[in-house]
Amino acid sequence: MAQKFKKPPPVKLATSDEFMEALAQGNASKTEAILRRLNGLGPSELQFLADHFSGSGSQGFKKLIPYRLEFVKRQRGVHADYLKKAVEDASIRRIYERARAKFGKYDTAIDEVKKATKLGRTRISRAIAEK
């Protein structure tokens, strides 16, 4: 037996005013949803976006919408936090130097650092080598 499917209700088209309000609020998901419902962009919206991307918009628009649009290349993996890594490396080196002074042997000191930090040998060795 054939099933009858109901047509989804027609999507309410968005207006350029809704688009500008969403931009002014800085709500990315709302702006994206409104852009999908827009029938098209008029010359004024296109000019606004072009000015916004180039950073040459009028001061009035900059006050109205304090956010900046920017194309960014997507990258794989987690972004590195270099400051955090530098602090961790310094901490690892300090623990290593204390263990080396106490035990005198490289391998014993590395094992002591492994126990204290729960990090792998390679990570510890890299931190020590980056003095």
Protein backbone atom coordinates (compact mmCIF):
# COMPACT_ATOMS: atom_id res chain seq x y z
CA MET A 1 0.00 0.00 0.00
CA ALA A 2 1.35 3.40 -0.92
CA GLN A 3 1.94 5.85 1.86
CA LYS A 4 1.00 9.47 1.58
CA PHE A 5 3.56 11.96 2.69
CA LYS A 6 2.66 15.45 3.72
CA LYS A 7 4.52 18.23 2.02
CA PRO A 8 6.61 20.25 4.41
CA PRO A 9 5.22 23.70 5.04
CA PRO A 10 6.73 26.36 2.79
CA VAL A 11 9.75 28.08 4.24
CA LYS A 12 9.11 31.68 5.22
CA LEU A 13 11.51 33.87 3.28
CA ALA A 14 13.74 36.11 5.34
CA THR A 15 14.20 39.82 4.81
CA SER A 16 17.35 41.87 4.59
CA ASP A 17 16.35 43.59 7.84
CA GLU A 18 16.43 40.23 9.65
CA PHE A 19 19.84 39.59 8.09
CA MET A 20 21.22 42.91 9.35
CA GLU A 21 19.76 42.35 12.84
CA ALA A 22 21.37 38.90 13.06
CA LEU A 23 24.71 40.38 11.97
CA ALA A 24 24.40 43.15 14.55
CA GLN A 25 23.74 40.58 17.29
CA GLY A 26 26.80 38.57 16.25
CA ASN A 27 24.74 35.38 16.22
CA ALA A 28 26.44 33.19 13.60
CA SER A 29 23.85 30.39 13.58
CA LYS A 30 20.96 32.82 13.24
CA THR A 31 22.75 34.69 10.45
CA GLU A 32 23.43 31.43 8.64
CA ALA A 33 19.77 30.35 8.92
CA ILE A 34 18.57 33.71 7.60
CA LEU A 35 21.03 33.62 4.70
CA ARG A 36 19.62 30.23 3.72
CA ARG A 37 16.09 31.65 3.72
CA LEU A 38 16.93 34.82 1.80
CA ASN A 39 15.63 34.87 -1.74
CA GLY A 40 18.67 36.89 -2.75
CA LEU A 41 20.88 39.73 -1.67
CA GLY A 42 20.22 43.20 -2.91
CA PRO A 43 22.88 45.65 -4.02
CA SER A 44 23.02 47.32 -0.61
CA GLU A 45 23.61 44.02 1.23
CA LEU A 46 26.27 43.00 -1.28
CA GLN A 47 27.99 46.37 -0.93
CA PHE A 48 27.83 46.07 2.86
CA LEU A 49 29.38 42.57 2.81
CA ALA A 50 32.09 43.68 0.38
CA ASP A 51 32.95 46.65 2.61
CA HIS A 52 32.87 44.45 5.68
CA PHE A 53 35.27 41.90 4.19
CA SER A 54 37.66 44.58 3.04
CA GLY A 55 37.42 46.48 6.33
CA SER A 56 36.57 49.72 4.55
CA GLY A 57 32.99 50.08 5.80
CA SER A 58 31.64 53.35 7.13
CA GLN A 59 31.97 54.15 10.83
CA GLY A 60 28.19 53.91 11.23
CA PHE A 61 28.19 50.30 10.12
CA LYS A 62 31.23 49.56 12.27
CA LYS A 63 29.39 50.83 15.33
CA LEU A 64 26.22 48.95 14.39
CA ILE A 65 28.05 45.68 13.70
CA PRO A 66 31.24 45.44 15.76
CA TYR A 67 32.10 42.01 14.31
CA ARG A 68 34.47 41.35 11.44
CA LEU A 69 33.95 38.68 8.79
CA GLU A 70 37.05 36.88 7.64
CA PHE A 71 37.78 33.87 5.46
CA VAL A 72 40.05 31.47 7.28
CA LYS A 73 41.64 28.33 5.87
CA ARG A 74 40.54 25.21 7.67
CA GLN A 75 43.30 23.25 9.31
CA ARG A 76 43.48 19.73 10.55
CA GLY A 77 43.92 18.84 14.18
CA VAL A 78 43.80 20.82 17.34
CA HIS A 79 45.38 24.26 17.32
CA ALA A 80 48.53 24.37 19.38
CA ASP A 81 48.70 26.57 22.46
CA TYR A 82 52.37 27.57 22.35
CA LEU A 83 52.33 29.48 25.62
CA LYS A 84 50.85 26.51 27.49
CA LYS A 85 53.41 24.17 25.90
CA ALA A 86 56.27 26.45 26.90
CA VAL A 87 55.08 26.50 30.51
CA GLU A 88 54.72 22.71 30.52
CA ASP A 89 58.19 22.29 29.01
CA ALA A 90 59.70 24.51 31.69
CA SER A 91 57.95 22.50 34.39
CA ILE A 92 59.18 19.22 32.89
CA ARG A 93 62.75 20.56 32.72
CA ARG A 94 62.59 21.65 36.36
CA ILE A 95 61.40 18.21 37.49
CA TYR A 96 64.05 16.56 35.32
CA GLU A 97 66.88 18.72 36.69
CA ARG A 98 65.88 17.91 40.28
CA ALA A 99 65.69 14.19 39.48
CA ARG A 100 69.02 14.28 37.64
CA ALA A 101 70.67 16.02 40.61
CA LYS A 102 69.18 13.47 42.99
CA PHE A 103 69.87 10.25 41.02
CA GLY A 104 72.67 11.28 38.67
CA LYS A 105 71.58 9.01 35.82
CA TYR A 106 69.66 10.11 32.74
CA ASP A 107 67.36 7.07 32.52
CA THR A 108 66.52 7.11 36.21
CA ALA A 109 65.73 10.82 36.04
CA ILE A 110 63.49 10.28 32.97
CA ASP A 111 61.63 7.49 34.79
CA GLU A 112 61.12 9.79 37.77
CA VAL A 113 59.73 12.52 35.51
CA LYS A 114 57.43 9.96 33.85
CA LYS A 115 56.03 9.02 37.26
CA ALA A 116 55.56 12.65 38.30
CA THR A 117 54.00 13.95 35.08
CA LYS A 118 52.40 10.80 33.58
CA LEU A 119 53.86 11.78 30.21
CA GLY A 120 55.67 9.61 27.71
CA ARG A 121 59.42 9.36 27.31
CA THR A 122 59.37 11.11 23.90
CA ARG A 123 57.43 14.13 25.21
CA ILE A 124 59.82 14.45 28.16
CA SER A 125 62.90 14.11 25.95
CA ARG A 126 61.62 16.80 23.58
CA ALA A 127 60.94 19.17 26.46
CA ILE A 128 64.45 18.64 27.85
CA ALA A 129 66.07 19.09 24.43
CA GLU A 130 64.32 22.44 23.78
CA LYS A 131 66.28 24.39 26.40
